[in-house]
Amino acid sequence: MRPKSIAAFEYLEVSKIVLGFAFTLASEFFWSILSYGLMLWVVLLISRRRSATARWIYVAMFVFGTATIALLLVARPAELMALTTAQIVMMAFNCATSFVALWLLLSPSASRWLASPEREAGMSA
């Protein structure tokens, strides 16, 4: 049975993906489908298939995304001024939920569950 931290990670990430997809759907349809689809695939690999590799891919995506936002804030603050309030709120929401999801993913119960050899149990809710 999946630990609560993995279930919470999945719910948090899927809700973030759905909200982000709905927010950007009208402006960049192709890139929205590609990026949010990739993110959903990684989340489901972690939460349903117990993929430790997908877990580290998620960690790398988190680090890359955080570094990109930090670079935007430090190196190009004028570009931040061009964003709408809704875009800034969405960016802050994504950062906060990603941090909480990463914390849940790296919790001891999630680590034990991902390291356990029973792959079939990963399919149960």
N, C-alpha and C. Protein backbone atom coordinates (compact mmCIF):
# COMPACT_ATOMS: atom_id res chain seq x y z
N MET A 1 0.84 -1.18 0.00
CA MET A 1 0.00 0.00 0.00
C MET A 1 0.88 1.25 0.00
N ARG A 2 0.49 2.22 -0.78
CA ARG A 2 1.27 3.46 -0.88
C ARG A 2 1.19 4.24 0.42
N PRO A 3 2.31 4.84 0.82
CA PRO A 3 2.25 5.69 2.02
C PRO A 3 1.50 6.98 1.73
N LYS A 4 1.05 7.63 2.79
CA LYS A 4 0.29 8.87 2.64
C LYS A 4 1.11 9.95 1.96
N SER A 5 2.42 9.95 2.18
CA SER A 5 3.26 10.99 1.56
C SER A 5 3.28 10.85 0.04
N ILE A 6 3.28 9.63 -0.46
CA ILE A 6 3.25 9.41 -1.92
C ILE A 6 1.89 9.80 -2.48
N ALA A 7 0.81 9.43 -1.78
CA ALA A 7 -0.52 9.81 -2.24
C ALA A 7 -0.68 11.34 -2.24
N ALA A 8 -0.19 11.99 -1.19
CA ALA A 8 -0.27 13.46 -1.13
C ALA A 8 0.59 14.09 -2.22
N PHE A 9 1.77 13.53 -2.47
CA PHE A 9 2.63 14.01 -3.56
C PHE A 9 1.88 13.94 -4.88
N GLU A 10 1.24 12.80 -5.15
CA GLU A 10 0.52 12.63 -6.41
C GLU A 10 -0.63 13.62 -6.54
N TYR A 11 -1.45 13.75 -5.50
CA TYR A 11 -2.58 14.68 -5.56
C TYR A 11 -2.12 16.12 -5.75
N LEU A 12 -1.08 16.50 -5.04
CA LEU A 12 -0.56 17.86 -5.12
C LEU A 12 -0.02 18.16 -6.52
N GLU A 13 0.76 17.26 -7.06
CA GLU A 13 1.35 17.47 -8.38
C GLU A 13 0.30 17.43 -9.49
N VAL A 14 -0.63 16.49 -9.42
CA VAL A 14 -1.66 16.41 -10.46
C VAL A 14 -2.53 17.67 -10.44
N SER A 15 -2.87 18.16 -9.25
CA SER A 15 -3.66 19.39 -9.19
C SER A 15 -2.87 20.58 -9.72
N LYS A 16 -1.57 20.63 -9.43
CA LYS A 16 -0.73 21.71 -9.96
C LYS A 16 -0.64 21.62 -11.48
N ILE A 17 -0.53 20.43 -12.00
CA ILE A 17 -0.42 20.24 -13.45
C ILE A 17 -1.73 20.64 -14.13
N VAL A 18 -2.86 20.25 -13.57
CA VAL A 18 -4.15 20.59 -14.17
C VAL A 18 -4.36 22.11 -14.15
N LEU A 19 -4.07 22.75 -13.01
CA LEU A 19 -4.22 24.20 -12.94
C LEU A 19 -3.27 24.92 -13.89
N GLY A 20 -2.03 24.47 -13.95
CA GLY A 20 -1.07 25.09 -14.85
C GLY A 20 -1.43 24.91 -16.30
N PHE A 21 -1.93 23.72 -16.63
CA PHE A 21 -2.33 23.44 -18.01
C PHE A 21 -3.51 24.32 -18.40
N ALA A 22 -4.48 24.45 -17.50
CA ALA A 22 -5.64 25.30 -17.80
C ALA A 22 -5.23 26.76 -17.93
N PHE A 23 -4.25 27.19 -17.16
CA PHE A 23 -3.80 28.57 -17.17
C PHE A 23 -3.08 28.92 -18.48
N THR A 24 -2.29 27.98 -19.00
CA THR A 24 -1.48 28.28 -20.19
C THR A 24 -2.05 27.69 -21.48
N LEU A 25 -3.15 27.01 -21.41
CA LEU A 25 -3.70 26.32 -22.58
C LEU A 25 -3.96 27.24 -23.76
N ALA A 26 -4.52 28.37 -23.50
CA ALA A 26 -4.91 29.26 -24.60
C ALA A 26 -3.71 29.89 -25.29
N SER A 27 -2.64 30.15 -24.55
CA SER A 27 -1.53 30.89 -25.14
C SER A 27 -0.54 30.00 -25.89
N GLU A 28 -0.20 28.88 -25.35
CA GLU A 28 0.82 28.03 -25.96
C GLU A 28 0.37 26.58 -25.92
N PHE A 29 -0.54 26.23 -26.80
CA PHE A 29 -1.18 24.92 -26.76
C PHE A 29 -0.20 23.76 -26.87
N PHE A 30 0.66 23.75 -27.88
CA PHE A 30 1.58 22.63 -28.10
C PHE A 30 2.55 22.46 -26.93
N TRP A 31 3.18 23.57 -26.50
CA TRP A 31 4.16 23.48 -25.42
C TRP A 31 3.49 23.14 -24.10
N SER A 32 2.24 23.54 -23.92
CA SER A 32 1.51 23.19 -22.71
C SER A 32 1.29 21.69 -22.64
N ILE A 33 0.83 21.12 -23.73
CA ILE A 33 0.60 19.68 -23.76
C ILE A 33 1.90 18.93 -23.55
N LEU A 34 2.95 19.34 -24.20
CA LEU A 34 4.23 18.66 -24.09
C LEU A 34 4.80 18.74 -22.67
N SER A 35 4.88 19.94 -22.12
CA SER A 35 5.51 20.09 -20.80
C SER A 35 4.67 19.50 -19.68
N TYR A 36 3.37 19.77 -19.67
CA TYR A 36 2.53 19.23 -18.61
C TYR A 36 2.32 17.73 -18.77
N GLY A 37 2.30 17.25 -20.00
CA GLY A 37 2.22 15.81 -20.22
C GLY A 37 3.46 15.09 -19.71
N LEU A 38 4.63 15.66 -19.97
CA LEU A 38 5.87 15.07 -19.46
C LEU A 38 5.88 15.06 -17.94
N MET A 39 5.46 16.15 -17.34
CA MET A 39 5.44 16.24 -15.89
C MET A 39 4.46 15.23 -15.29
N LEU A 40 3.29 15.09 -15.90
CA LEU A 40 2.31 14.11 -15.43
C LEU A 40 2.86 12.70 -15.54
N TRP A 41 3.54 12.41 -16.63
CA TRP A 41 4.14 11.09 -16.84
C TRP A 41 5.17 10.78 -15.75
N VAL A 42 6.02 11.73 -15.41
CA VAL A 42 7.03 11.54 -14.37
C VAL A 42 6.35 11.31 -13.02
N VAL A 43 5.33 12.10 -12.71
CA VAL A 43 4.61 11.96 -11.43
C VAL A 43 3.96 10.58 -11.34
N LEU A 44 3.32 10.14 -12.41
CA LEU A 44 2.68 8.82 -12.38
C LEU A 44 3.69 7.68 -12.33
N LEU A 45 4.84 7.84 -12.96
CA LEU A 45 5.88 6.83 -12.83
C LEU A 45 6.34 6.70 -11.38
N ILE A 46 6.43 7.81 -10.70
CA ILE A 46 6.86 7.78 -9.30
C ILE A 46 5.76 7.17 -8.43
N SER A 47 4.56 7.69 -8.54
CA SER A 47 3.50 7.32 -7.61
C SER A 47 2.82 5.99 -7.92
N ARG A 48 2.85 5.56 -9.14
CA ARG A 48 2.17 4.31 -9.49
C ARG A 48 3.11 3.16 -9.83
N ARG A 49 4.29 3.46 -10.34
CA ARG A 49 5.23 2.41 -10.75
C ARG A 49 6.47 2.30 -9.86
N ARG A 50 6.55 3.16 -8.83
CA ARG A 50 7.68 3.15 -7.89
C ARG A 50 9.02 3.35 -8.58
N SER A 51 9.08 4.22 -9.52
CA SER A 51 10.32 4.43 -10.27
C SER A 51 11.24 5.39 -9.52
N ALA A 52 12.35 4.83 -9.03
CA ALA A 52 13.35 5.65 -8.34
C ALA A 52 14.04 6.58 -9.35
N THR A 53 14.19 6.13 -10.57
CA THR A 53 14.80 6.96 -11.61
C THR A 53 13.92 8.19 -11.88
N ALA A 54 12.62 7.98 -11.98
CA ALA A 54 11.70 9.10 -12.20
C ALA A 54 11.74 10.06 -11.01
N ARG A 55 11.95 9.53 -9.83
CA ARG A 55 12.07 10.39 -8.64
C ARG A 55 13.23 11.35 -8.79
N TRP A 56 14.37 10.84 -9.24
CA TRP A 56 15.54 11.71 -9.39
C TRP A 56 15.40 12.65 -10.59
N ILE A 57 14.64 12.23 -11.59
CA ILE A 57 14.33 13.13 -12.70
C ILE A 57 13.47 14.28 -12.19
N TYR A 58 12.51 13.97 -11.32
CA TYR A 58 11.68 15.02 -10.71
C TYR A 58 12.54 15.99 -9.90
N VAL A 59 13.47 15.44 -9.11
CA VAL A 59 14.36 16.29 -8.31
C VAL A 59 15.18 17.20 -9.23
N ALA A 60 15.70 16.64 -10.33
CA ALA A 60 16.48 17.44 -11.27
C ALA A 60 15.62 18.53 -11.91
N MET A 61 14.38 18.20 -12.26
CA MET A 61 13.48 19.19 -12.84
C MET A 61 13.18 20.30 -11.83
N PHE A 62 13.03 19.94 -10.56
CA PHE A 62 12.80 20.93 -9.51
C PHE A 62 14.00 21.87 -9.37
N VAL A 63 15.20 21.30 -9.33
CA VAL A 63 16.41 22.11 -9.19
C VAL A 63 16.58 23.03 -10.41
N PHE A 64 16.38 22.48 -11.60
CA PHE A 64 16.50 23.28 -12.82
C PHE A 64 15.47 24.42 -12.84
N GLY A 65 14.24 24.11 -12.48
CA GLY A 65 13.19 25.13 -12.46
C GLY A 65 13.46 26.22 -11.44
N THR A 66 13.91 25.83 -10.26
CA THR A 66 14.23 26.80 -9.22
C THR A 66 15.40 27.68 -9.64
N ALA A 67 16.42 27.08 -10.24
CA ALA A 67 17.56 27.85 -10.71
C ALA A 67 17.16 28.82 -11.82
N THR A 68 16.27 28.40 -12.69
CA THR A 68 15.79 29.26 -13.76
C THR A 68 15.04 30.47 -13.22
N ILE A 69 14.18 30.23 -12.24
CA ILE A 69 13.44 31.34 -11.63
C ILE A 69 14.39 32.28 -10.89
N ALA A 70 15.36 31.72 -10.17
CA ALA A 70 16.34 32.55 -9.46
C ALA A 70 17.14 33.39 -10.45
N LEU A 71 17.52 32.80 -11.57
CA LEU A 71 18.25 33.53 -12.60
C LEU A 71 17.40 34.66 -13.17
N LEU A 72 16.12 34.38 -13.38
CA LEU A 72 15.20 35.41 -13.87
C LEU A 72 15.11 36.57 -12.89
N LEU A 73 15.01 36.27 -11.61
CA LEU A 73 14.89 37.31 -10.60
C LEU A 73 16.15 38.14 -10.45
N VAL A 74 17.32 37.49 -10.57
CA VAL A 74 18.59 38.19 -10.35
C VAL A 74 19.10 38.86 -11.62
N ALA A 75 19.14 38.12 -12.71
CA ALA A 75 19.79 38.61 -13.92
C ALA A 75 18.88 39.47 -14.80
N ARG A 76 17.57 39.21 -14.75
CA ARG A 76 16.66 39.93 -15.64
C ARG A 76 15.40 40.38 -14.91
N PRO A 77 15.54 41.24 -13.93
CA PRO A 77 14.34 41.68 -13.20
C PRO A 77 13.36 42.46 -14.06
N ALA A 78 13.81 43.05 -15.15
CA ALA A 78 12.90 43.79 -16.02
C ALA A 78 11.89 42.86 -16.68
N GLU A 79 12.30 41.61 -16.95
CA GLU A 79 11.37 40.65 -17.54
C GLU A 79 10.29 40.26 -16.55
N LEU A 80 10.62 40.29 -15.27
CA LEU A 80 9.62 39.99 -14.26
C LEU A 80 8.53 41.07 -14.23
N MET A 81 8.94 42.30 -14.49
CA MET A 81 7.97 43.40 -14.51
C MET A 81 6.98 43.27 -15.67
N ALA A 82 7.36 42.55 -16.71
CA ALA A 82 6.48 42.38 -17.86
C ALA A 82 5.40 41.33 -17.61
N LEU A 83 5.54 40.55 -16.55
CA LEU A 83 4.56 39.51 -16.26
C LEU A 83 3.32 40.12 -15.63
N THR A 84 2.18 39.49 -15.88
CA THR A 84 0.94 39.94 -15.26
C THR A 84 0.90 39.45 -13.81
N THR A 85 0.00 40.00 -13.05
CA THR A 85 -0.16 39.57 -11.66
C THR A 85 -0.54 38.10 -11.59
N ALA A 86 -1.41 37.67 -12.49
CA ALA A 86 -1.83 36.26 -12.51
C ALA A 86 -0.64 35.35 -12.79
N GLN A 87 0.25 35.74 -13.69
CA GLN A 87 1.43 34.93 -13.99
C GLN A 87 2.37 34.87 -12.80
N ILE A 88 2.53 35.97 -12.08
CA ILE A 88 3.40 35.97 -10.91
C ILE A 88 2.80 35.10 -9.80
N VAL A 89 1.49 35.20 -9.61
CA VAL A 89 0.82 34.36 -8.60
C VAL A 89 0.95 32.89 -8.97
N MET A 90 0.77 32.57 -10.23
CA MET A 90 0.89 31.18 -10.68
C MET A 90 2.32 30.67 -10.49
N MET A 91 3.31 31.50 -10.77
CA MET A 91 4.70 31.11 -10.59
C MET A 91 4.99 30.87 -9.11
N ALA A 92 4.50 31.72 -8.23
CA ALA A 92 4.69 31.54 -6.79
C ALA A 92 3.98 30.28 -6.30
N PHE A 93 2.76 30.04 -6.80
CA PHE A 93 2.01 28.85 -6.44
C PHE A 93 2.75 27.59 -6.87
N ASN A 94 3.27 27.58 -8.09
CA ASN A 94 4.02 26.43 -8.59
C ASN A 94 5.27 26.18 -7.76
N CYS A 95 5.98 27.23 -7.39
CA CYS A 95 7.19 27.07 -6.57
C CYS A 95 6.85 26.48 -5.21
N ALA A 96 5.81 27.00 -4.58
CA ALA A 96 5.42 26.53 -3.25
C ALA A 96 4.95 25.08 -3.29
N THR A 97 4.09 24.73 -4.25
CA THR A 97 3.59 23.36 -4.31
C THR A 97 4.69 22.39 -4.71
N SER A 98 5.60 22.81 -5.56
CA SER A 98 6.71 21.94 -5.94
C SER A 98 7.63 21.67 -4.75
N PHE A 99 7.85 22.68 -3.93
CA PHE A 99 8.68 22.49 -2.74
C PHE A 99 8.02 21.51 -1.77
N VAL A 100 6.72 21.66 -1.53
CA VAL A 100 6.00 20.75 -0.63
C VAL A 100 6.00 19.33 -1.22
N ALA A 101 5.77 19.21 -2.53
CA ALA A 101 5.76 17.90 -3.18
C ALA A 101 7.13 17.24 -3.09
N LEU A 102 8.19 18.02 -3.26
CA LEU A 102 9.55 17.47 -3.14
C LEU A 102 9.80 17.00 -1.72
N TRP A 103 9.36 17.77 -0.73
CA TRP A 103 9.51 17.38 0.67
C TRP A 103 8.78 16.06 0.93
N LEU A 104 7.57 15.91 0.40
CA LEU A 104 6.82 14.66 0.55
C LEU A 104 7.52 13.50 -0.15
N LEU A 105 8.06 13.76 -1.32
CA LEU A 105 8.72 12.72 -2.10
C LEU A 105 10.00 12.22 -1.44
N LEU A 106 10.70 13.10 -0.74
CA LEU A 106 11.95 12.72 -0.08
C LEU A 106 11.76 12.33 1.38
N SER A 107 10.51 12.18 1.82
CA SER A 107 10.25 11.77 3.19
C SER A 107 10.70 10.33 3.41
N PRO A 108 10.98 9.95 4.67
CA PRO A 108 11.44 8.58 4.93
C PRO A 108 10.45 7.51 4.48
N SER A 109 9.14 7.73 4.67
CA SER A 109 8.17 6.72 4.26
C SER A 109 8.14 6.55 2.74
N ALA A 110 8.26 7.65 2.01
CA ALA A 110 8.29 7.57 0.55
C ALA A 110 9.57 6.88 0.08
N SER A 111 10.69 7.19 0.72
CA SER A 111 11.96 6.55 0.35
C SER A 111 11.91 5.05 0.58
N ARG A 112 11.35 4.63 1.73
CA ARG A 112 11.23 3.19 2.00
C ARG A 112 10.33 2.52 0.98
N TRP A 113 9.21 3.17 0.64
CA TRP A 113 8.27 2.59 -0.30
C TRP A 113 8.90 2.46 -1.69
N LEU A 114 9.61 3.47 -2.12
CA LEU A 114 10.25 3.42 -3.44
C LEU A 114 11.37 2.38 -3.48
N ALA A 115 12.02 2.14 -2.35
CA ALA A 115 13.12 1.19 -2.32
C ALA A 115 12.66 -0.25 -2.15
N SER A 116 11.41 -0.47 -1.74
CA SER A 116 10.93 -1.83 -1.51
C SER A 116 10.78 -2.57 -2.83
N PRO A 117 11.03 -3.89 -2.80
CA PRO A 117 11.03 -4.67 -4.05
C PRO A 117 9.65 -5.00 -4.60
N GLU A 118 8.58 -4.83 -3.85
CA GLU A 118 7.24 -5.22 -4.30
C GLU A 118 6.69 -4.21 -5.29
N ARG A 119 6.90 -4.43 -6.56
CA ARG A 119 6.44 -3.50 -7.59
C ARG A 119 4.92 -3.59 -7.79
N GLU A 120 4.32 -4.74 -7.57
CA GLU A 120 2.88 -4.90 -7.81
C GLU A 120 2.07 -4.06 -6.83
N ALA A 121 2.57 -3.89 -5.61
CA ALA A 121 1.83 -3.14 -4.61
C ALA A 121 1.75 -1.66 -4.98
N GLY A 122 2.60 -1.20 -5.85
CA GLY A 122 2.59 0.19 -6.28
C GLY A 122 1.37 0.53 -7.09
N MET A 123 0.68 -0.46 -7.59
CA MET A 123 -0.49 -0.21 -8.41
C MET A 123 -1.74 0.03 -7.58
N SER A 124 -1.70 -0.30 -6.27
CA SER A 124 -2.88 -0.10 -5.45
C SER A 124 -2.97 1.35 -4.99
N ALA A 125 -4.17 1.79 -4.73
CA ALA A 125 -4.36 3.19 -4.32
C ALA A 125 -4.17 3.40 -2.88
